[in-house]
C-alpha cells in the first residue's frame, strides 16, 4: 500500500489473523519496509504472532543496514 497508515493497519491485521502465512508475510514486509513507523508496527505484530526463531535472522538483517 502506498500509505503508511494502511501498511501499519495491515501489520496489525496480520498479527490478529496469526498463523504461519501471516508470519511469513510479516517477515517479507520487514525485509522491504523503509518507513520506521511501519517497521515498528511490523516488529510488534511479528512478536505477537509468536515463534521467536525468526528474531536472530531479522536482527542480523537489520544490523547490516
N, C-alpha and C. Protein backbone atom coordinates (compact mmCIF):
# COMPACT_ATOMS: atom_id res chain seq x y z
N UNK A 1 0.84 -1.19 0.00
CA UNK A 1 0.00 0.00 0.00
C UNK A 1 0.89 1.25 0.00
N UNK A 2 0.48 2.27 -0.70
CA UNK A 2 1.30 3.48 -0.74
C UNK A 2 1.21 4.32 0.53
N UNK A 3 0.20 4.09 1.37
CA UNK A 3 0.02 4.93 2.56
C UNK A 3 0.53 4.22 3.80
N UNK A 4 1.29 4.94 4.59
CA UNK A 4 1.90 4.41 5.81
C UNK A 4 0.84 3.85 6.75
N UNK A 5 -0.23 4.57 6.96
CA UNK A 5 -1.28 4.12 7.88
C UNK A 5 -1.88 2.79 7.43
N UNK A 6 -2.03 2.60 6.15
CA UNK A 6 -2.57 1.33 5.64
C UNK A 6 -1.60 0.18 5.89
N UNK A 7 -0.31 0.44 5.73
CA UNK A 7 0.68 -0.62 5.97
C UNK A 7 0.74 -0.99 7.45
N UNK A 8 0.61 0.01 8.32
CA UNK A 8 0.57 -0.28 9.76
C UNK A 8 -0.68 -1.09 10.11
N UNK A 9 -1.80 -0.72 9.54
CA UNK A 9 -3.05 -1.45 9.78
C UNK A 9 -2.95 -2.88 9.27
N UNK A 10 -2.32 -3.07 8.13
CA UNK A 10 -2.14 -4.42 7.58
C UNK A 10 -1.29 -5.27 8.52
N UNK A 11 -0.26 -4.68 9.09
CA UNK A 11 0.59 -5.42 10.04
C UNK A 11 -0.24 -5.86 11.24
N UNK A 12 -1.06 -4.97 11.77
CA UNK A 12 -1.90 -5.29 12.91
C UNK A 12 -2.91 -6.39 12.56
N UNK A 13 -3.48 -6.31 11.38
CA UNK A 13 -4.45 -7.31 10.93
C UNK A 13 -3.80 -8.68 10.79
N UNK A 14 -2.60 -8.72 10.21
CA UNK A 14 -1.90 -9.99 10.07
C UNK A 14 -1.60 -10.60 11.44
N UNK A 15 -1.24 -9.78 12.41
CA UNK A 15 -0.99 -10.28 13.76
C UNK A 15 -2.26 -10.87 14.36
N UNK A 16 -3.40 -10.23 14.10
CA UNK A 16 -4.67 -10.73 14.62
C UNK A 16 -5.05 -12.06 13.97
N UNK A 17 -4.73 -12.20 12.69
CA UNK A 17 -5.03 -13.45 11.98
C UNK A 17 -4.13 -14.57 12.49
N UNK A 18 -2.83 -14.26 12.63
CA UNK A 18 -1.88 -15.24 13.14
C UNK A 18 -1.60 -16.35 12.14
N UNK A 19 -0.83 -17.31 12.57
CA UNK A 19 -0.50 -18.46 11.75
C UNK A 19 0.76 -18.27 10.94
N UNK A 20 1.17 -19.34 10.28
CA UNK A 20 2.43 -19.32 9.56
C UNK A 20 2.40 -18.43 8.32
N UNK A 21 1.27 -18.36 7.65
CA UNK A 21 1.18 -17.49 6.47
C UNK A 21 1.30 -16.01 6.86
N UNK A 22 0.66 -15.63 7.95
CA UNK A 22 0.76 -14.25 8.43
C UNK A 22 2.19 -13.96 8.88
N UNK A 23 2.82 -14.90 9.55
CA UNK A 23 4.20 -14.72 10.00
C UNK A 23 5.13 -14.53 8.80
N UNK A 24 4.93 -15.33 7.78
CA UNK A 24 5.77 -15.22 6.58
C UNK A 24 5.56 -13.88 5.88
N UNK A 25 4.32 -13.42 5.83
CA UNK A 25 4.04 -12.12 5.20
C UNK A 25 4.69 -10.99 5.98
N UNK A 26 4.65 -11.06 7.30
CA UNK A 26 5.29 -10.05 8.13
C UNK A 26 6.80 -10.08 7.96
N UNK A 27 7.37 -11.28 7.88
CA UNK A 27 8.81 -11.41 7.66
C UNK A 27 9.23 -10.77 6.34
N UNK A 28 8.45 -11.03 5.28
CA UNK A 28 8.76 -10.42 3.98
C UNK A 28 8.66 -8.91 4.05
N UNK A 29 7.63 -8.42 4.72
CA UNK A 29 7.45 -6.97 4.83
C UNK A 29 8.60 -6.33 5.61
N UNK A 30 9.08 -7.01 6.63
CA UNK A 30 10.20 -6.47 7.41
C UNK A 30 11.45 -6.30 6.56
N UNK A 31 11.66 -7.16 5.59
CA UNK A 31 12.85 -7.05 4.76
C UNK A 31 12.75 -5.92 3.74
N UNK A 32 11.52 -5.49 3.42
CA UNK A 32 11.33 -4.47 2.39
C UNK A 32 11.01 -3.08 2.92
N UNK A 33 10.40 -3.01 4.07
CA UNK A 33 9.87 -1.73 4.56
C UNK A 33 10.99 -0.77 4.95
N UNK A 34 10.84 0.49 4.55
CA UNK A 34 11.83 1.53 4.88
C UNK A 34 11.32 2.55 5.88
N UNK A 35 10.02 2.71 6.01
CA UNK A 35 9.45 3.68 6.95
C UNK A 35 9.58 3.12 8.38
N UNK A 36 10.19 3.90 9.26
CA UNK A 36 10.45 3.43 10.62
C UNK A 36 9.18 3.18 11.42
N UNK A 37 8.15 3.98 11.21
CA UNK A 37 6.91 3.76 11.98
C UNK A 37 6.23 2.46 11.54
N UNK A 38 6.31 2.15 10.27
CA UNK A 38 5.74 0.88 9.78
C UNK A 38 6.61 -0.28 10.26
N UNK A 39 7.94 -0.10 10.23
CA UNK A 39 8.82 -1.17 10.71
C UNK A 39 8.53 -1.48 12.19
N UNK A 40 8.28 -0.45 12.98
CA UNK A 40 7.95 -0.67 14.39
C UNK A 40 6.65 -1.47 14.52
N UNK A 41 5.66 -1.14 13.71
CA UNK A 41 4.40 -1.89 13.72
C UNK A 41 4.62 -3.33 13.27
N UNK A 42 5.47 -3.52 12.27
CA UNK A 42 5.76 -4.87 11.80
C UNK A 42 6.46 -5.69 12.88
N UNK A 43 7.44 -5.10 13.56
CA UNK A 43 8.14 -5.82 14.63
C UNK A 43 7.16 -6.20 15.74
N UNK A 44 6.31 -5.27 16.12
CA UNK A 44 5.33 -5.54 17.17
C UNK A 44 4.37 -6.65 16.75
N UNK A 45 3.89 -6.56 15.53
CA UNK A 45 2.95 -7.57 15.02
C UNK A 45 3.62 -8.92 14.92
N UNK A 46 4.86 -8.93 14.45
CA UNK A 46 5.56 -10.21 14.30
C UNK A 46 5.79 -10.86 15.65
N UNK A 47 6.08 -10.07 16.67
CA UNK A 47 6.26 -10.62 18.01
C UNK A 47 4.97 -11.23 18.53
N UNK A 48 3.83 -10.64 18.17
CA UNK A 48 2.54 -11.16 18.62
C UNK A 48 2.17 -12.46 17.93
N UNK A 49 2.70 -12.69 16.73
CA UNK A 49 2.37 -13.92 16.00
C UNK A 49 3.03 -15.12 16.67
N UNK A 50 4.18 -14.90 17.31
CA UNK A 50 4.85 -15.98 18.03
C UNK A 50 6.08 -16.49 17.31
N UNK A 51 6.60 -17.59 17.79
CA UNK A 51 7.79 -18.26 17.25
C UNK A 51 8.94 -17.29 17.07
N UNK A 52 9.78 -17.22 18.06
CA UNK A 52 10.89 -16.27 18.06
C UNK A 52 12.10 -16.73 17.25
N UNK A 53 12.01 -17.85 16.55
CA UNK A 53 13.15 -18.33 15.78
C UNK A 53 13.57 -17.36 14.69
N UNK A 54 12.69 -16.52 14.26
CA UNK A 54 12.97 -15.53 13.22
C UNK A 54 13.79 -14.36 13.75
N UNK A 55 13.84 -14.18 15.06
CA UNK A 55 14.40 -12.97 15.63
C UNK A 55 15.88 -12.78 15.31
N UNK A 56 16.69 -13.81 15.45
CA UNK A 56 18.12 -13.65 15.17
C UNK A 56 18.36 -13.25 13.73
N UNK A 57 17.65 -13.86 12.80
CA UNK A 57 17.81 -13.51 11.39
C UNK A 57 17.38 -12.08 11.13
N UNK A 58 16.26 -11.68 11.68
CA UNK A 58 15.76 -10.33 11.47
C UNK A 58 16.71 -9.29 12.07
N UNK A 59 17.21 -9.57 13.26
CA UNK A 59 18.13 -8.64 13.89
C UNK A 59 19.44 -8.54 13.09
N UNK A 60 19.89 -9.65 12.58
CA UNK A 60 21.10 -9.66 11.76
C UNK A 60 20.92 -8.82 10.50
N UNK A 61 19.77 -9.02 9.84
CA UNK A 61 19.50 -8.25 8.63
C UNK A 61 19.38 -6.76 8.93
N UNK A 62 18.77 -6.44 10.05
CA UNK A 62 18.59 -5.03 10.41
C UNK A 62 19.94 -4.37 10.71
N UNK A 63 20.83 -5.10 11.35
CA UNK A 63 22.12 -4.52 11.70
C UNK A 63 23.00 -4.31 10.48
N UNK A 64 22.73 -5.01 9.39
CA UNK A 64 23.51 -4.85 8.17
C UNK A 64 23.15 -3.57 7.41
N UNK A 65 22.05 -2.94 7.77
CA UNK A 65 21.61 -1.72 7.08
C UNK A 65 22.44 -0.55 7.48
